[in-house]
Amino acid sequence: PYPTLFRSWLSNANPGFSAYVFGQLLLFLSYALFEGVGQAISASGMTPPQAQTLGMISITYWFGWSGFFMDFKLLHSWLQWVPHGNSLRYCMQLMMHVLVSDDLRFSCQGFDITSNIEHGACSGAKGWISGAEAKSFYGIDRSPILCLTVMLVSFLVARVLTYLLLRRALHDVIHGARGYQATDSKDA
């Protein structure tokens, strides 16, 4: 906890202790969420190469469609729905709401205003922008309640799916696999 506390205050995005606590709680929730997805993949009964492929495809989707690498405004209209199912996107947006509150002000000093004039981020090198303007500039457009709800629902779905898959596997071990008829050893 001490190195993350130091890094949190070193970044100075929001030096408040409550932002640190909420940020840590959000990190623990996101770890538990994606750990649950990994457990569901493990409990699915896939062969290791199939499970690894599904894991890599899932990770590629989470990072590729989270807003880190592309502007969603450039997507075709028939692909506009794809980013809305991405749990990592909601984790990232909620973390930005925690770290960059609306009441904070950020200096434009040292910010390259020539490339960002069309976005309206800074009017000059000596200007200031609010936390709400900074979040809008970076595309943080989901409400914190929606982000938290999506994360909690995703967490519950992953854990329930893991439970159901493990229960099915246990049932198959106890009662035999479905479609498999046990033969008596005396007949053989």
C-alpha atoms as a PDB file:
ATOM      1  CA  PRO A   1       0.000   0.000   0.000  1.00  0.00           C
ATOM      2  CA  TYR A   2       2.801   2.467   0.694  1.00  0.00           C
ATOM      3  CA  PRO A   3       4.259   2.513  -2.845  1.00  0.00           C
ATOM      4  CA  THR A   4       0.789   3.007  -4.351  1.00  0.00           C
ATOM      5  CA  LEU A   5       0.040   5.731  -1.811  1.00  0.00           C
ATOM      6  CA  PHE A   6       3.261   7.491  -2.790  1.00  0.00           C
ATOM      7  CA  ARG A   7       2.517   7.150  -6.524  1.00  0.00           C
ATOM      8  CA  SER A   8      -1.038   8.381  -6.017  1.00  0.00           C
ATOM      9  CA  TRP A   9       0.123  11.560  -4.332  1.00  0.00           C
ATOM     10  CA  LEU A  10       3.087  11.901  -6.693  1.00  0.00           C
ATOM     11  CA  SER A  11       0.779  12.047  -9.721  1.00  0.00           C
ATOM     12  CA  ASN A  12      -1.056  14.923  -8.001  1.00  0.00           C
ATOM     13  CA  ALA A  13      -4.172  14.441 -10.131  1.00  0.00           C
ATOM     14  CA  ASN A  14      -6.209  14.442  -6.928  1.00  0.00           C
ATOM     15  CA  PRO A  15      -4.050  14.525  -3.788  1.00  0.00           C
ATOM     16  CA  GLY A  16      -6.999  13.927  -1.446  1.00  0.00           C
ATOM     17  CA  PHE A  17      -6.821  10.872   0.796  1.00  0.00           C
ATOM     18  CA  SER A  18     -10.402   9.895  -0.093  1.00  0.00           C
ATOM     19  CA  ALA A  19      -9.435   9.728  -3.782  1.00  0.00           C
ATOM     20  CA  TYR A  20      -6.636   7.343  -2.819  1.00  0.00           C
ATOM     21  CA  VAL A  21      -8.977   5.129  -0.764  1.00  0.00           C
ATOM     22  CA  PHE A  22     -11.653   5.025  -3.457  1.00  0.00           C
ATOM     23  CA  GLY A  23      -8.992   4.386  -6.102  1.00  0.00           C
ATOM     24  CA  GLN A  24      -7.655   1.424  -4.123  1.00  0.00           C
ATOM     25  CA  LEU A  25     -11.160   0.016  -3.624  1.00  0.00           C
ATOM     26  CA  LEU A  26     -11.796   0.373  -7.347  1.00  0.00           C
ATOM     27  CA  LEU A  27      -8.532  -1.431  -8.152  1.00  0.00           C
ATOM     28  CA  PHE A  28      -9.490  -4.304  -5.842  1.00  0.00           C
ATOM     29  CA  LEU A  29     -12.923  -4.515  -7.479  1.00  0.00           C
ATOM     30  CA  SER A  30     -11.441  -4.584 -10.971  1.00  0.00           C
ATOM     31  CA  TYR A  31      -8.906  -7.254  -9.936  1.00  0.00           C
ATOM     32  CA  ALA A  32     -11.723  -9.362  -8.494  1.00  0.00           C
ATOM     33  CA  LEU A  33     -13.851  -8.817 -11.608  1.00  0.00           C
ATOM     34  CA  PHE A  34     -11.201  -9.947 -14.080  1.00  0.00           C
ATOM     35  CA  GLU A  35     -10.037 -12.738 -11.772  1.00  0.00           C
ATOM     36  CA  GLY A  36     -13.618 -14.022 -11.884  1.00  0.00           C
ATOM     37  CA  VAL A  37     -13.498 -14.018 -15.673  1.00  0.00           C
ATOM     38  CA  GLY A  38     -10.269 -16.010 -15.539  1.00  0.00           C
ATOM     39  CA  GLN A  39     -11.818 -18.472 -13.117  1.00  0.00           C
ATOM     40  CA  ALA A  40     -14.826 -18.895 -15.415  1.00  0.00           C
ATOM     41  CA  ILE A  41     -12.505 -19.660 -18.318  1.00  0.00           C
ATOM     42  CA  SER A  42     -10.635 -22.181 -16.159  1.00  0.00           C
ATOM     43  CA  ALA A  43     -13.853 -23.815 -14.955  1.00  0.00           C
ATOM     44  CA  SER A  44     -15.233 -24.118 -18.471  1.00  0.00           C
ATOM     45  CA  GLY A  45     -13.487 -27.420 -19.098  1.00  0.00           C
ATOM     46  CA  MET A  46     -11.729 -26.217 -22.240  1.00  0.00           C
ATOM     47  CA  THR A  47      -8.379 -27.612 -23.151  1.00  0.00           C
ATOM     48  CA  PRO A  48      -5.480 -25.350 -22.132  1.00  0.00           C
ATOM     49  CA  PRO A  49      -4.829 -24.099 -25.685  1.00  0.00           C
ATOM     50  CA  GLN A  50      -8.525 -23.248 -26.137  1.00  0.00           C
ATOM     51  CA  ALA A  51      -8.661 -21.500 -22.753  1.00  0.00           C
ATOM     52  CA  GLN A  52      -5.512 -19.544 -23.553  1.00  0.00           C
ATOM     53  CA  THR A  53      -6.929 -18.471 -26.910  1.00  0.00           C
ATOM     54  CA  LEU A  54     -10.179 -17.318 -25.309  1.00  0.00           C
ATOM     55  CA  GLY A  55      -8.196 -15.433 -22.656  1.00  0.00           C
ATOM     56  CA  MET A  56      -6.076 -13.668 -25.280  1.00  0.00           C
ATOM     57  CA  ILE A  57      -9.120 -12.755 -27.370  1.00  0.00           C
ATOM     58  CA  SER A  58     -10.839 -11.385 -24.241  1.00  0.00           C
ATOM     59  CA  ILE A  59      -7.803  -9.303 -23.289  1.00  0.00           C
ATOM     60  CA  THR A  60      -7.504  -7.995 -26.836  1.00  0.00           C
ATOM     61  CA  TYR A  61     -11.164  -6.966 -26.791  1.00  0.00           C
ATOM     62  CA  TRP A  62     -10.873  -5.285 -23.391  1.00  0.00           C
ATOM     63  CA  PHE A  63      -7.848  -3.201 -24.309  1.00  0.00           C
ATOM     64  CA  GLY A  64      -8.663  -2.653 -27.975  1.00  0.00           C
ATOM     65  CA  TRP A  65     -12.217  -1.482 -27.373  1.00  0.00           C
ATOM     66  CA  SER A  66     -11.745   0.428 -24.112  1.00  0.00           C
ATOM     67  CA  GLY A  67     -10.922   3.793 -25.639  1.00  0.00           C
ATOM     68  CA  PHE A  68      -7.167   3.619 -25.097  1.00  0.00           C
ATOM     69  CA  PHE A  69      -6.315   2.983 -28.739  1.00  0.00           C
ATOM     70  CA  MET A  70      -9.175   4.342 -30.828  1.00  0.00           C
ATOM     71  CA  ASP A  71     -11.701   7.116 -31.028  1.00  0.00           C
ATOM     72  CA  PHE A  72     -15.167   5.556 -30.974  1.00  0.00           C
ATOM     73  CA  LYS A  73     -16.567   8.428 -33.025  1.00  0.00           C
ATOM     74  CA  LEU A  74     -14.681   7.022 -36.015  1.00  0.00           C
ATOM     75  CA  LEU A  75     -16.456   3.652 -35.895  1.00  0.00           C
ATOM     76  CA  HIS A  76     -19.040   2.673 -38.480  1.00  0.00           C
ATOM     77  CA  SER A  77     -22.623   2.960 -37.287  1.00  0.00           C
ATOM     78  CA  TRP A  78     -23.087  -0.830 -37.203  1.00  0.00           C
ATOM     79  CA  LEU A  79     -20.137  -1.162 -34.766  1.00  0.00           C
ATOM     80  CA  GLN A  80     -21.207   1.562 -32.327  1.00  0.00           C
ATOM     81  CA  TRP A  81     -22.614  -0.975 -29.834  1.00  0.00           C
ATOM     82  CA  VAL A  82     -19.380  -2.996 -29.390  1.00  0.00           C
ATOM     83  CA  PRO A  83     -17.606  -0.741 -26.825  1.00  0.00           C
ATOM     84  CA  HIS A  84     -20.657  -0.670 -24.535  1.00  0.00           C
ATOM     85  CA  GLY A  85     -20.085  -4.273 -23.411  1.00  0.00           C
ATOM     86  CA  ASN A  86     -16.510  -3.672 -22.336  1.00  0.00           C
ATOM     87  CA  SER A  87     -16.021  -3.911 -18.560  1.00  0.00           C
ATOM     88  CA  LEU A  88     -12.510  -2.435 -18.738  1.00  0.00           C
ATOM     89  CA  ARG A  89     -13.904   0.714 -20.331  1.00  0.00           C
ATOM     90  CA  TYR A  90     -16.201   1.238 -17.355  1.00  0.00           C
ATOM     91  CA  CYS A  91     -13.348   0.516 -14.908  1.00  0.00           C
ATOM     92  CA  MET A  92     -11.196   3.140 -16.624  1.00  0.00           C
ATOM     93  CA  GLN A  93     -13.979   5.713 -16.736  1.00  0.00           C
ATOM     94  CA  LEU A  94     -14.827   5.218 -13.060  1.00  0.00           C
ATOM     95  CA  MET A  95     -11.152   5.577 -12.114  1.00  0.00           C
ATOM     96  CA  MET A  96     -11.038   8.876 -14.015  1.00  0.00           C
ATOM     97  CA  HIS A  97     -14.128  10.056 -12.100  1.00  0.00           C
ATOM     98  CA  VAL A  98     -12.350   9.182  -8.842  1.00  0.00           C
ATOM     99  CA  LEU A  99      -9.029  10.810  -9.728  1.00  0.00           C
ATOM    100  CA  VAL A 100     -10.314  13.855 -11.627  1.00  0.00           C
ATOM    101  CA  SER A 101     -13.227  15.352  -9.749  1.00  0.00           C
ATOM    102  CA  ASP A 102     -15.226  18.162 -11.315  1.00  0.00           C
ATOM    103  CA  ASP A 103     -14.129  20.756  -8.762  1.00  0.00           C
ATOM    104  CA  LEU A 104     -10.402  20.392  -9.519  1.00  0.00           C
ATOM    105  CA  ARG A 105      -8.610  22.870 -11.779  1.00  0.00           C
ATOM    106  CA  PHE A 106      -5.672  22.016 -13.991  1.00  0.00           C
ATOM    107  CA  SER A 107      -3.119  24.413 -15.401  1.00  0.00           C
ATOM    108  CA  CYS A 108      -2.545  24.528 -19.133  1.00  0.00           C
ATOM    109  CA  GLN A 109       1.085  25.472 -18.603  1.00  0.00           C
ATOM    110  CA  GLY A 110       3.259  23.036 -20.511  1.00  0.00           C
ATOM    111  CA  PHE A 111       0.231  21.675 -22.396  1.00  0.00           C
ATOM    112  CA  ASP A 112       0.556  21.729 -26.181  1.00  0.00           C
ATOM    113  CA  ILE A 113      -2.366  23.984 -27.032  1.00  0.00           C
ATOM    114  CA  THR A 114      -1.603  24.138 -30.748  1.00  0.00           C
ATOM    115  CA  SER A 115      -2.692  20.544 -31.334  1.00  0.00           C
ATOM    116  CA  ASN A 116      -5.711  20.780 -29.048  1.00  0.00           C
ATOM    117  CA  ILE A 117      -7.319  24.071 -30.010  1.00  0.00           C
ATOM    118  CA  GLU A 118     -10.056  22.340 -31.994  1.00  0.00           C
ATOM    119  CA  HIS A 119     -10.986  20.361 -28.893  1.00  0.00           C
ATOM    120  CA  GLY A 120     -11.263  23.523 -26.807  1.00  0.00           C
ATOM    121  CA  ALA A 121      -9.155  22.128 -23.971  1.00  0.00           C
ATOM    122  CA  CYS A 122      -7.111  25.264 -23.291  1.00  0.00           C
ATOM    123  CA  SER A 123      -7.580  28.768 -24.566  1.00  0.00           C
ATOM    124  CA  GLY A 124      -3.982  29.722 -23.835  1.00  0.00           C
ATOM    125  CA  ALA A 125      -0.811  28.529 -22.133  1.00  0.00           C
ATOM    126  CA  LYS A 126      -1.717  30.441 -18.957  1.00  0.00           C
ATOM    127  CA  GLY A 127      -5.319  29.202 -18.877  1.00  0.00           C
ATOM    128  CA  TRP A 128      -6.987  26.700 -16.626  1.00  0.00           C
ATOM    129  CA  ILE A 129      -9.441  23.901 -17.260  1.00  0.00           C
ATOM    130  CA  SER A 130     -11.789  22.297 -14.782  1.00  0.00           C
ATOM    131  CA  GLY A 131     -11.929  18.614 -13.972  1.00  0.00           C
ATOM    132  CA  ALA A 132     -15.195  18.316 -15.906  1.00  0.00           C
ATOM    133  CA  GLU A 133     -13.562  19.848 -18.994  1.00  0.00           C
ATOM    134  CA  ALA A 134     -10.568  17.538 -18.652  1.00  0.00           C
ATOM    135  CA  LYS A 135     -12.832  14.476 -18.427  1.00  0.00           C
ATOM    136  CA  SER A 136     -14.801  15.645 -21.447  1.00  0.00           C
ATOM    137  CA  PHE A 137     -11.554  16.160 -23.367  1.00  0.00           C
ATOM    138  CA  TYR A 138     -10.524  12.553 -22.689  1.00  0.00           C
ATOM    139  CA  GLY A 139     -13.950  11.108 -23.552  1.00  0.00           C
ATOM    140  CA  ILE A 140     -15.098  10.242 -20.044  1.00  0.00           C
ATOM    141  CA  ASP A 141     -18.809  10.362 -20.761  1.00  0.00           C
ATOM    142  CA  ARG A 142     -20.367   7.631 -18.582  1.00  0.00           C
ATOM    143  CA  SER A 143     -21.794   8.431 -15.166  1.00  0.00           C
ATOM    144  CA  PRO A 144     -20.008   7.011 -12.110  1.00  0.00           C
ATOM    145  CA  ILE A 145     -23.160   5.159 -11.022  1.00  0.00           C
ATOM    146  CA  LEU A 146     -23.460   3.451 -14.418  1.00  0.00           C
ATOM    147  CA  CYS A 147     -19.776   2.486 -14.338  1.00  0.00           C
ATOM    148  CA  LEU A 148     -20.037   1.020 -10.844  1.00  0.00           C
ATOM    149  CA  THR A 149     -23.240  -0.831 -11.737  1.00  0.00           C
ATOM    150  CA  VAL A 150     -21.678  -2.375 -14.846  1.00  0.00           C
ATOM    151  CA  MET A 151     -18.634  -3.447 -12.840  1.00  0.00           C
ATOM    152  CA  LEU A 152     -20.708  -5.030 -10.065  1.00  0.00           C
ATOM    153  CA  VAL A 153     -23.019  -6.826 -12.505  1.00  0.00           C
ATOM    154  CA  SER A 154     -19.995  -8.093 -14.479  1.00  0.00           C
ATOM    155  CA  PHE A 155     -18.410  -9.280 -11.237  1.00  0.00           C
ATOM    156  CA  LEU A 156     -21.563 -11.158 -10.212  1.00  0.00           C
ATOM    157  CA  VAL A 157     -22.057 -12.703 -13.670  1.00  0.00           C
ATOM    158  CA  ALA A 158     -18.451 -13.949 -13.754  1.00  0.00           C
ATOM    159  CA  ARG A 159     -18.695 -15.450 -10.260  1.00  0.00           C
ATOM    160  CA  VAL A 160     -22.091 -17.085 -10.845  1.00  0.00           C
ATOM    161  CA  LEU A 161     -20.899 -18.483 -14.173  1.00  0.00           C
ATOM    162  CA  THR A 162     -17.814 -19.917 -12.465  1.00  0.00           C
ATOM    163  CA  TYR A 163     -19.982 -21.517  -9.782  1.00  0.00           C
ATOM    164  CA  LEU A 164     -22.346 -23.058 -12.335  1.00  0.00           C
ATOM    165  CA  LEU A 165     -19.491 -24.425 -14.441  1.00  0.00           C
ATOM    166  CA  LEU A 166     -17.761 -25.925 -11.404  1.00  0.00           C
ATOM    167  CA  ARG A 167     -21.037 -27.414 -10.190  1.00  0.00           C
ATOM    168  CA  ARG A 168     -21.594 -29.028 -13.579  1.00  0.00           C
ATOM    169  CA  ALA A 169     -18.076 -30.445 -13.550  1.00  0.00           C
ATOM    170  CA  LEU A 170     -18.588 -31.838 -10.037  1.00  0.00           C
ATOM    171  CA  HIS A 171     -21.906 -33.366 -11.083  1.00  0.00           C
ATOM    172  CA  ASP A 172     -20.191 -35.035 -14.045  1.00  0.00           C
ATOM    173  CA  VAL A 173     -17.488 -36.461 -11.776  1.00  0.00           C
ATOM    174  CA  ILE A 174     -19.985 -37.839  -9.275  1.00  0.00           C
ATOM    175  CA  HIS A 175     -22.646 -39.111 -11.682  1.00  0.00           C
ATOM    176  CA  GLY A 176     -20.610 -39.660 -14.830  1.00  0.00           C
ATOM    177  CA  ALA A 177     -20.412 -37.497 -17.892  1.00  0.00           C
ATOM    178  CA  ARG A 178     -23.590 -36.876 -19.834  1.00  0.00           C
ATOM    179  CA  GLY A 179     -24.053 -39.297 -22.702  1.00  0.00           C
ATOM    180  CA  TYR A 180     -21.598 -41.775 -21.220  1.00  0.00           C
ATOM    181  CA  GLN A 181     -22.929 -45.173 -20.179  1.00  0.00           C
ATOM    182  CA  ALA A 182     -20.920 -46.928 -17.532  1.00  0.00           C
ATOM    183  CA  THR A 183     -20.321 -50.609 -18.191  1.00  0.00           C
ATOM    184  CA  ASP A 184     -20.167 -53.200 -15.492  1.00  0.00           C
ATOM    185  CA  SER A 185     -16.715 -54.765 -15.089  1.00  0.00           C
ATOM    186  CA  LYS A 186     -18.265 -58.286 -14.930  1.00  0.00           C
ATOM    187  CA  ASP A 187     -19.577 -57.918 -18.511  1.00  0.00           C
ATOM    188  CA  ALA A 188     -16.139 -57.192 -19.919  1.00  0.00           C
END
